[in-house]
Amino acid sequence: MTTRTAEQDPGRKLRKVVTSSTIGAMVEWYDFFLYGVVAGLVFNKLYFPSTDPLVGTLLAYATFAAGFVARPLGGVIFGHFGDTLGRKRMLVLTLMIMGVATTAIGLIPTYEQIGVWAPILLLICRIAQGIGLGGEWGGAVLMTFESAPPRRRGFFASLPQTGMSLGLVLASGIIAALSFGLSDADFLAWGWRIAFLFSAVMVLIGSYMRTHVEESPEFAAAQRGKKQERQPLPFVAMLRQYPRVVLACMGARFIDGVFFNVFGVYSLSYLTQTLQLSRNDALLGVLIGAGVMTLFIPLWGAVSDRVGRPLVYGTGALLAGLSAFPAFWLMQHSGGNVMLVWAAIIIPFGIFHAAVFGTMSSMFSEVFDPSVRYTGISFVYQFAGVFAGGLTPIVATWLNAKGGGDPWYLCAYVLGIGVLSAACTMWIASRNGRSAHERLAPSKANA
């Protein structure tokens, strides 16, 4: 009797792929969200000085948005090479780009020290972060999606998605710990920089893990099956084959970007500046919400394996959009009760949003052919993110100001986005006739 080595054990291989993709994604999202967490607390004071606090906050969020603008570029670049050279190589490279940019942010002098070069350097590093994350998401998702058993792809493809919530937990947790352990003066002077410099350690660990996994088997099979004649660029092929699918997926993606940035980023400014909640309490609420989301993402992924991605995704989009009204009403009428504020964040953020984010990876991956899949899902996710995510803190700040501090304009905006995303998801479902996971499983069995 022969025993299978670790290299021959499919289960062992899958666990290594899932672990490396999830941890790497957590590091990348930590780097990206760390900027968002700090933007409205520190950067508006140190890098964008202004006599009007609102103007300083808007300028800080403008550089936050720049990262989202750069993400489609990263998605197209690394999507192209991921579809032609392989997923694994791109994952190592994107992680290094992200880590260097984040570490550099922790070393940039303030506006008071070097003048206008401070926000310029901050902007350059933020753009580099965006390019790195633009290529990261698609690769991490596809490594697990394409390595998993067909009937369990929803569950396994959702696991790298927990890297997002884990990254936010880590970013919020470290900033909360530093904020709690240091005086306001020390935190603003140097304490916040520790969180950015810590990225260098995590990047080394993540890169080591990613260099020790094998390439996606579905990509390898697709490469072997390619004909010798010249193939069109993956981006061109994607636009030719899937023009309406790309638009529908972008519309479905909107609720994710808007909802996450309203509750995970903008809520920090709203709670601390409008409702005068302490910085620690606001950060802890977002941290707990992200922790709950980490548990529900794989749960919803597993549910989608049974009932279909569009049903879970569309329902989650509607519930997320509707929940903005009771959530902000509860925040506004909490009377300083921090438990009520936390409930207003945790339930919609940790549960409803998880239904969307937990099924997005598998739903988008199933509608594209492997030859353009990295490019397709990266472009959809990142390009829609420019408008859905990057501009949301600015839009939210403006809508709140227009409402005189009342959040109802913002809530109506979130609800409208939820309806739009649910409608696009219904179109994707109707186009497929039945969920893609039901179609793919028999074809795999007959292959």
Protein backbone atom coordinates (compact mmCIF):
# COMPACT_ATOMS: atom_id res chain seq x y z
CA MET A 1 0.00 0.00 0.00
CA THR A 2 1.31 3.43 -0.91
CA THR A 3 0.64 6.51 1.15
CA ARG A 4 0.03 9.85 -0.44
CA THR A 5 2.61 12.53 0.22
CA ALA A 6 1.58 16.02 1.25
CA GLU A 7 2.16 17.13 -2.33
CA GLN A 8 -0.20 14.44 -3.66
CA ASP A 9 -2.98 14.98 -1.12
CA PRO A 10 -5.66 17.19 -2.75
CA GLY A 11 -7.10 18.13 0.64
CA ARG A 12 -3.70 19.24 1.88
CA LYS A 13 -3.14 21.27 -1.27
CA LEU A 14 -6.52 22.97 -0.92
CA ARG A 15 -5.88 23.85 2.71
CA LYS A 16 -2.53 25.42 1.79
CA VAL A 17 -4.15 27.44 -1.00
CA VAL A 18 -6.98 28.62 1.24
CA THR A 19 -4.63 29.55 4.09
CA SER A 20 -2.15 31.44 1.93
CA SER A 21 -4.90 33.27 0.00
CA THR A 22 -6.79 34.24 3.17
CA ILE A 23 -3.77 35.43 5.13
CA GLY A 24 -2.38 37.31 2.15
CA ALA A 25 -5.76 38.93 1.55
CA MET A 26 -5.97 39.89 5.22
CA VAL A 27 -2.60 41.65 4.99
CA GLU A 28 -3.58 43.51 1.83
CA TRP A 29 -6.94 44.61 3.23
CA TYR A 30 -5.29 45.60 6.52
CA ASP A 31 -2.97 47.90 4.60
CA PHE A 32 -5.77 49.37 2.50
CA PHE A 33 -8.28 49.90 5.29
CA LEU A 34 -5.71 51.20 7.73
CA TYR A 35 -5.59 54.30 5.56
CA GLY A 36 -9.39 54.63 5.68
CA VAL A 37 -9.50 54.20 9.46
CA VAL A 38 -6.82 56.84 9.99
CA ALA A 39 -7.92 59.28 7.25
CA GLY A 40 -10.70 60.95 9.25
CA LEU A 41 -8.83 60.75 12.55
CA VAL A 42 -5.23 61.75 11.76
CA PHE A 43 -4.50 62.66 8.13
CA ASN A 44 -7.06 65.46 8.08
CA LYS A 45 -5.08 67.12 10.89
CA LEU A 46 -1.46 66.33 9.97
CA TYR A 47 -1.42 66.35 6.17
CA PHE A 48 -4.34 68.59 5.18
CA PRO A 49 -4.37 71.48 7.65
CA SER A 50 -7.38 73.77 7.34
CA THR A 51 -9.29 76.24 9.44
CA ASP A 52 -12.46 74.35 8.45
CA PRO A 53 -12.52 70.77 9.83
CA LEU A 54 -14.98 69.72 7.12
CA VAL A 55 -12.57 70.80 4.36
CA GLY A 56 -9.68 68.91 5.98
CA THR A 57 -11.78 65.76 6.27
CA LEU A 58 -12.94 66.01 2.64
CA LEU A 59 -9.32 66.41 1.45
CA ALA A 60 -8.22 63.39 3.50
CA TYR A 61 -11.05 61.33 2.02
CA ALA A 62 -10.08 62.57 -1.46
CA THR A 63 -6.74 60.77 -1.16
CA PHE A 64 -8.65 57.79 0.25
CA ALA A 65 -10.69 57.83 -2.97
CA ALA A 66 -7.48 57.99 -5.05
CA GLY A 67 -6.68 54.47 -3.94
CA PHE A 68 -9.98 53.30 -5.39
CA VAL A 69 -9.30 55.14 -8.65
CA ALA A 70 -5.98 53.30 -8.97
CA ARG A 71 -7.50 49.88 -8.30
CA PRO A 72 -8.94 49.34 -11.83
CA LEU A 73 -5.48 49.98 -13.26
CA GLY A 74 -4.06 47.30 -10.98
CA GLY A 75 -6.95 45.02 -11.87
CA VAL A 76 -6.33 45.35 -15.60
CA ILE A 77 -2.53 45.00 -15.35
CA PHE A 78 -2.42 42.06 -12.98
CA GLY A 79 -5.59 40.55 -14.46
CA HIS A 80 -3.84 40.41 -17.84
CA PHE A 81 -0.72 38.74 -16.48
CA GLY A 82 -2.77 36.56 -14.14
CA ASP A 83 -4.71 35.22 -17.12
CA THR A 84 -1.56 34.72 -19.20
CA LEU A 85 1.25 33.88 -16.75
CA GLY A 86 -0.66 32.53 -13.76
CA ARG A 87 -2.44 33.52 -10.56
CA LYS A 88 0.35 32.65 -8.13
CA ARG A 89 3.05 34.98 -9.45
CA MET A 90 0.74 37.98 -9.38
CA LEU A 91 -0.31 37.32 -5.78
CA VAL A 92 3.28 37.49 -4.55
CA LEU A 93 4.00 40.69 -6.50
CA THR A 94 0.83 42.54 -5.45
CA LEU A 95 1.48 41.76 -1.79
CA MET A 96 4.97 43.25 -2.01
CA ILE A 97 3.72 46.43 -3.71
CA MET A 98 1.09 46.90 -1.03
CA GLY A 99 3.50 46.31 1.85
CA VAL A 100 6.14 48.75 0.59
CA ALA A 101 3.54 51.50 0.05
CA THR A 102 1.97 51.04 3.49
CA THR A 103 5.31 51.01 5.28
CA ALA A 104 6.31 54.17 3.42
CA ILE A 105 3.16 55.97 4.63
CA GLY A 106 4.32 55.38 8.18
CA LEU A 107 7.54 57.26 7.39
CA ILE A 108 6.18 60.34 5.59
CA PRO A 109 6.80 63.62 7.48
CA THR A 110 3.83 65.89 8.19
CA TYR A 111 2.71 69.02 6.34
CA GLU A 112 4.26 71.15 9.07
CA GLN A 113 7.64 69.49 8.45
CA ILE A 114 7.91 69.35 4.64
CA GLY A 115 4.96 71.37 3.39
CA VAL A 116 3.09 70.40 0.24
CA TRP A 117 5.34 67.36 -0.31
CA ALA A 118 3.59 65.64 2.60
CA PRO A 119 0.18 65.26 0.91
CA ILE A 120 1.88 64.57 -2.45
CA LEU A 121 3.88 61.65 -1.04
CA LEU A 122 0.80 60.43 0.79
CA LEU A 123 -1.14 60.47 -2.48
CA ILE A 124 1.60 58.55 -4.34
CA CYS A 125 1.66 55.84 -1.69
CA ARG A 126 -2.13 55.64 -1.69
CA ILE A 127 -2.14 55.14 -5.47
CA ALA A 128 0.44 52.36 -5.10
CA GLN A 129 -1.81 50.74 -2.50
CA GLY A 130 -4.70 50.88 -4.94
CA ILE A 131 -2.69 49.29 -7.75
CA GLY A 132 -1.55 46.48 -5.44
CA LEU A 133 -5.02 45.71 -4.12
CA GLY A 134 -6.45 45.99 -7.63
CA GLY A 135 -4.52 42.89 -8.62
CA GLU A 136 -4.74 41.10 -5.28
CA TRP A 137 -8.45 40.44 -4.90
CA GLY A 138 -9.04 38.54 -8.14
CA GLY A 139 -6.02 36.29 -7.70
CA ALA A 140 -6.76 35.37 -4.08
CA VAL A 141 -10.37 34.52 -4.93
CA LEU A 142 -9.52 32.49 -8.03
CA MET A 143 -6.81 30.42 -6.37
CA THR A 144 -9.43 28.98 -4.01
CA PHE A 145 -12.41 29.01 -6.40
CA GLU A 146 -10.54 27.11 -9.10
CA SER A 147 -8.97 24.66 -6.64
CA ALA A 148 -12.19 23.77 -4.80
CA PRO A 149 -14.69 20.97 -5.55
CA PRO A 150 -17.40 22.36 -7.91
CA ARG A 151 -20.28 21.87 -5.45
CA ARG A 152 -18.42 23.64 -2.62
CA ARG A 153 -16.98 26.56 -4.52
CA GLY A 154 -19.27 29.06 -2.81
CA PHE A 155 -17.91 28.10 0.60
CA PHE A 156 -14.23 27.91 -0.34
CA ALA A 157 -14.30 31.07 -2.48
CA SER A 158 -15.82 32.92 0.49
CA LEU A 159 -12.86 32.12 2.76
CA PRO A 160 -10.42 34.63 1.18
CA GLN A 161 -13.26 37.15 1.53
CA THR A 162 -12.84 36.90 5.30
CA GLY A 163 -9.44 38.49 4.71
CA MET A 164 -11.30 41.76 4.18
CA SER A 165 -13.12 41.66 7.53
CA LEU A 166 -10.08 40.27 9.31
CA GLY A 167 -7.99 43.06 7.83
CA LEU A 168 -10.48 45.63 9.08
CA VAL A 169 -10.55 43.97 12.52
CA LEU A 170 -6.78 44.11 12.64
CA ALA A 171 -6.59 47.69 11.38
CA SER A 172 -9.32 48.97 13.71
CA GLY A 173 -8.00 46.90 16.61
CA ILE A 174 -4.44 48.14 16.37
CA ILE A 175 -5.53 51.77 16.00
CA ALA A 176 -7.95 51.35 18.93
CA ALA A 177 -5.21 49.80 21.09
CA LEU A 178 -2.76 52.57 20.23
CA SER A 179 -5.42 55.20 20.78
CA PHE A 180 -6.32 53.68 24.16
CA GLY A 181 -2.73 53.25 25.33
CA LEU A 182 -1.44 56.66 24.25
CA SER A 183 -2.44 60.22 24.91
CA ASP A 184 -4.07 62.11 22.04
CA ALA A 185 -0.88 64.11 21.58
CA ASP A 186 1.37 61.03 21.38
CA PHE A 187 -1.07 59.19 19.13
CA LEU A 188 -1.11 62.10 16.66
CA ALA A 189 2.63 62.71 16.95
CA TRP A 190 3.90 59.16 16.34
CA GLY A 191 1.60 56.43 17.66
CA TRP A 192 -0.43 55.95 14.49
CA ARG A 193 2.76 55.29 12.51
CA ILE A 194 3.36 52.02 14.36
CA ALA A 195 0.32 50.48 12.68
CA PHE A 196 1.69 51.28 9.21
CA LEU A 197 5.22 50.05 9.96
CA PHE A 198 3.79 46.78 11.29
CA SER A 199 2.74 45.96 7.73
CA ALA A 200 6.33 45.12 6.78
CA VAL A 201 6.37 42.13 9.15
CA MET A 202 3.04 40.77 7.91
CA VAL A 203 4.04 41.12 4.25
CA LEU A 204 7.14 38.97 4.78
CA ILE A 205 5.01 36.22 6.35
CA GLY A 206 2.34 36.39 3.65
CA SER A 207 4.87 36.38 0.80
CA TYR A 208 6.62 33.31 2.19
CA MET A 209 3.32 31.40 2.33
CA ARG A 210 2.31 32.37 -1.20
CA THR A 211 5.56 31.22 -2.74
CA HIS A 212 4.92 27.70 -1.38
CA VAL A 213 1.58 26.93 -3.07
CA GLU A 214 0.90 25.43 -6.48
CA GLU A 215 -0.76 27.18 -9.40
CA SER A 216 -4.55 26.97 -9.80
CA PRO A 217 -5.31 23.61 -11.50
CA GLU A 218 -8.13 25.08 -13.61
CA PHE A 219 -5.81 27.80 -14.94
CA ALA A 220 -3.11 25.21 -15.66
CA ALA A 221 -5.64 23.07 -17.55
CA ALA A 222 -6.87 26.09 -19.53
CA GLN A 223 -3.30 26.94 -20.50
CA ARG A 224 -2.66 23.40 -21.73
CA GLY A 225 -5.86 23.53 -23.78
CA LYS A 226 -5.04 26.80 -25.54
CA LYS A 227 -4.36 26.67 -29.25
CA GLN A 228 -1.03 27.79 -30.61
CA GLU A 229 -2.38 30.69 -32.66
CA ARG A 230 -2.24 34.20 -31.29
CA GLN A 231 -4.83 34.84 -28.58
CA PRO A 232 -6.56 38.22 -28.05
CA LEU A 233 -5.65 40.22 -24.96
CA PRO A 234 -7.74 39.04 -21.99
CA PHE A 235 -9.19 42.54 -21.51
CA VAL A 236 -10.24 42.78 -25.17
CA ALA A 237 -11.67 39.27 -25.10
CA MET A 238 -13.62 40.09 -21.94
CA LEU A 239 -15.22 43.17 -23.51
CA ARG A 240 -16.10 41.27 -26.68
CA GLN A 241 -17.63 38.25 -24.96
CA TYR A 242 -19.21 39.75 -21.84
CA PRO A 243 -20.18 43.44 -22.35
CA ARG A 244 -23.59 43.23 -20.64
CA VAL A 245 -22.36 40.81 -17.99
CA VAL A 246 -19.62 43.27 -17.01
CA LEU A 247 -22.15 46.09 -16.61
CA ALA A 248 -24.56 43.89 -14.62
CA CYS A 249 -21.82 42.67 -12.29
CA MET A 250 -20.65 46.24 -11.73
CA GLY A 251 -24.18 47.27 -10.80
CA ALA A 252 -24.49 44.32 -8.43
CA ARG A 253 -21.16 45.26 -6.86
CA PHE A 254 -22.32 48.78 -5.92
CA ILE A 255 -24.08 47.87 -2.67
CA ASP A 256 -20.95 46.20 -1.36
CA GLY A 257 -18.74 49.23 -1.89
CA VAL A 258 -21.27 51.79 -0.69
CA PHE A 259 -22.46 49.87 2.34
CA PHE A 260 -19.01 48.86 3.52
CA ASN A 261 -17.61 52.36 3.32
CA VAL A 262 -20.66 53.92 5.00
CA PHE A 263 -20.50 51.58 7.99
CA GLY A 264 -16.79 50.71 8.06
CA VAL A 265 -15.21 54.07 7.19
CA TYR A 266 -17.62 57.01 7.22
CA SER A 267 -19.37 55.91 10.43
CA LEU A 268 -16.17 56.66 12.37
CA SER A 269 -16.32 60.32 11.40
CA TYR A 270 -20.09 60.47 11.88
CA LEU A 271 -19.97 58.95 15.36
CA THR A 272 -17.00 60.99 16.59
CA GLN A 273 -17.73 64.36 14.94
CA THR A 274 -21.54 64.49 14.67
CA LEU A 275 -22.63 62.37 17.65
CA GLN A 276 -19.53 63.13 19.76
CA LEU A 277 -18.91 59.47 20.57
CA SER A 278 -15.42 58.68 21.79
CA ARG A 279 -12.92 57.50 19.21
CA ASN A 280 -12.33 54.24 21.08
CA ASP A 281 -16.04 53.39 21.28
CA ALA A 282 -16.54 54.10 17.58
CA LEU A 283 -13.54 52.00 16.56
CA LEU A 284 -14.60 49.14 18.82
CA GLY A 285 -18.08 49.07 17.29
CA VAL A 286 -16.66 48.73 13.77
CA LEU A 287 -14.17 46.14 15.02
CA ILE A 288 -16.89 43.96 16.56
CA GLY A 289 -19.03 44.31 13.44
CA ALA A 290 -16.14 43.15 11.26
CA GLY A 291 -15.53 40.24 13.62
CA VAL A 292 -19.16 39.12 13.28
CA MET A 293 -18.85 39.50 9.51
CA THR A 294 -15.88 37.11 9.54
CA LEU A 295 -18.14 34.39 10.96
CA PHE A 296 -21.06 35.04 8.60
CA ILE A 297 -19.10 35.30 5.32
CA PRO A 298 -18.34 31.55 5.08
CA LEU A 299 -21.83 30.75 6.39
CA TRP A 300 -23.46 32.65 3.54
CA GLY A 301 -20.95 31.13 1.11
CA ALA A 302 -22.04 27.64 2.20
CA VAL A 303 -25.72 28.62 1.92
CA SER A 304 -25.11 29.79 -1.65
CA ASP A 305 -23.86 26.31 -2.51
CA ARG A 306 -27.32 25.02 -1.66
CA VAL A 307 -29.76 27.72 -2.82
CA GLY A 308 -27.73 29.62 -5.43
CA ARG A 309 -25.56 32.74 -5.38
CA PRO A 310 -28.06 35.24 -6.85
CA LEU A 311 -30.72 34.49 -4.23
CA VAL A 312 -28.33 35.03 -1.34
CA TYR A 313 -26.66 38.04 -2.95
CA GLY A 314 -29.86 39.80 -4.03
CA THR A 315 -31.57 39.28 -0.67
CA GLY A 316 -28.48 40.56 1.14
CA ALA A 317 -28.38 43.65 -1.09
CA LEU A 318 -32.01 44.55 -0.29
CA LEU A 319 -31.64 43.92 3.44
CA ALA A 320 -28.45 45.99 3.56
CA GLY A 321 -30.11 48.90 1.75
CA LEU A 322 -33.18 48.83 3.99
CA SER A 323 -31.16 48.52 7.20
CA ALA A 324 -29.52 51.94 6.81
CA PHE A 325 -32.63 53.75 8.08
CA PRO A 326 -33.09 51.86 11.39
CA ALA A 327 -29.33 51.70 11.92
CA PHE A 328 -28.76 55.46 11.71
CA TRP A 329 -31.98 56.17 13.60
CA LEU A 330 -30.70 53.99 16.42
CA MET A 331 -27.32 55.73 16.39
CA GLN A 332 -28.96 59.15 16.48
CA HIS A 333 -31.38 58.24 19.29
CA SER A 334 -29.00 56.12 21.35
CA GLY A 335 -28.73 58.80 24.03
CA GLY A 336 -25.06 57.97 24.45
CA ASN A 337 -25.78 54.27 25.05
CA VAL A 338 -22.79 52.64 23.35
CA MET A 339 -24.48 49.22 23.24
CA LEU A 340 -27.25 50.61 21.03
CA VAL A 341 -24.68 52.24 18.76
CA TRP A 342 -22.80 48.97 18.44
CA ALA A 343 -26.00 47.06 17.64
CA ALA A 344 -26.75 49.60 14.88
CA ILE A 345 -23.38 48.77 13.30
CA ILE A 346 -22.98 45.07 14.03
CA ILE A 347 -26.30 43.72 12.68
CA PRO A 348 -26.33 45.37 9.24
CA PHE A 349 -22.56 45.39 8.83
CA GLY A 350 -21.75 41.97 10.24
CA ILE A 351 -24.74 39.98 8.95
CA PHE A 352 -26.46 41.66 5.97
CA HIS A 353 -23.31 42.87 4.28
CA ALA A 354 -21.70 39.45 4.82
CA ALA A 355 -24.42 37.89 2.62
CA VAL A 356 -23.29 40.13 -0.23
CA PHE A 357 -19.55 39.91 0.27
CA GLY A 358 -19.56 36.19 1.07
CA THR A 359 -21.18 35.22 -2.25
CA MET A 360 -19.70 37.88 -4.53
CA SER A 361 -16.49 35.99 -5.28
CA SER A 362 -18.17 32.80 -6.50
CA MET A 363 -21.06 34.56 -8.28
CA PHE A 364 -18.73 36.77 -10.33
CA SER A 365 -16.21 33.97 -11.00
CA GLU A 366 -18.87 31.67 -12.44
CA VAL A 367 -19.95 34.04 -15.21
CA PHE A 368 -16.50 34.34 -16.83
CA ASP A 369 -14.48 31.79 -18.78
CA PRO A 370 -11.14 30.80 -17.13
CA SER A 371 -9.16 32.45 -19.94
CA VAL A 372 -10.49 35.92 -18.98
CA ARG A 373 -11.68 35.25 -15.44
CA TYR A 374 -8.89 37.05 -13.55
CA THR A 375 -9.32 40.10 -15.80
CA GLY A 376 -13.13 39.94 -15.66
CA ILE A 377 -13.69 39.76 -11.93
CA SER A 378 -10.83 42.17 -11.18
CA PHE A 379 -12.13 44.81 -13.58
CA VAL A 380 -15.73 44.47 -12.35
CA TYR A 381 -14.77 44.64 -8.71
CA GLN A 382 -12.19 47.40 -8.94
CA PHE A 383 -13.78 49.70 -11.54
CA ALA A 384 -17.14 49.66 -9.77
CA GLY A 385 -15.26 50.27 -6.53
CA VAL A 386 -14.11 53.69 -7.75
CA PHE A 387 -17.69 54.95 -7.61
CA ALA A 388 -19.19 52.54 -5.12
CA GLY A 389 -16.42 52.70 -2.54
CA GLY A 390 -13.89 55.44 -3.11
CA LEU A 391 -16.40 58.28 -3.43
CA THR A 392 -18.73 57.07 -0.67
CA PRO A 393 -17.08 58.83 2.31
CA ILE A 394 -17.11 62.10 0.32
CA VAL A 395 -20.73 61.62 -0.77
CA ALA A 396 -21.74 60.63 2.77
CA THR A 397 -20.02 63.66 4.30
CA TRP A 398 -21.72 65.96 1.77
CA LEU A 399 -25.16 64.38 2.23
CA ASN A 400 -24.84 64.62 6.00
CA ALA A 401 -23.92 68.29 5.71
CA LYS A 402 -26.86 68.92 3.36
CA GLY A 403 -29.14 67.26 5.91
CA GLY A 404 -27.93 69.49 8.70
CA GLY A 405 -26.43 66.54 10.55
CA ASP A 406 -29.42 64.26 9.92
CA PRO A 407 -28.46 61.11 7.97
CA TRP A 408 -31.69 60.52 6.05
CA TYR A 409 -30.38 61.69 2.67
CA LEU A 410 -27.54 59.24 3.12
CA CYS A 411 -29.92 56.42 4.10
CA ALA A 412 -32.04 57.05 1.00
CA TYR A 413 -28.87 56.89 -1.10
CA VAL A 414 -27.89 53.53 0.44
CA LEU A 415 -31.40 52.14 -0.12
CA GLY A 416 -31.39 53.21 -3.77
CA ILE A 417 -28.05 51.48 -4.28
CA GLY A 418 -29.40 48.33 -2.64
CA VAL A 419 -32.34 48.22 -5.04
CA LEU A 420 -30.05 48.81 -8.04
CA SER A 421 -27.72 45.96 -7.00
CA ALA A 422 -30.61 43.57 -6.37
CA ALA A 423 -32.04 44.35 -9.82
CA CYS A 424 -28.68 43.68 -11.51
CA THR A 425 -28.37 40.42 -9.59
CA MET A 426 -31.81 39.35 -10.85
CA TRP A 427 -30.64 40.00 -14.42
CA ILE A 428 -27.54 37.86 -13.87
CA ALA A 429 -29.76 35.06 -12.52
CA SER A 430 -32.22 35.30 -15.42
CA ARG A 431 -29.39 35.29 -17.95
CA ASN A 432 -27.96 32.11 -16.49
CA GLY A 433 -31.39 30.49 -16.27
CA ARG A 434 -30.23 28.61 -13.22
CA SER A 435 -27.30 29.20 -10.90
CA ALA A 436 -23.92 28.55 -12.44
CA HIS A 437 -22.88 26.15 -9.71
CA GLU A 438 -25.71 23.83 -10.78
CA ARG A 439 -24.54 24.00 -14.40
CA LEU A 440 -20.87 23.51 -13.66
CA ALA A 441 -21.16 20.45 -11.43
CA PRO A 442 -22.63 18.10 -14.09
CA SER A 443 -20.16 19.30 -16.70
CA LYS A 444 -17.31 18.51 -14.35
CA ALA A 445 -18.76 15.12 -13.64
CA ASN A 446 -19.02 14.34 -17.36
CA ALA A 447 -15.60 15.68 -18.23
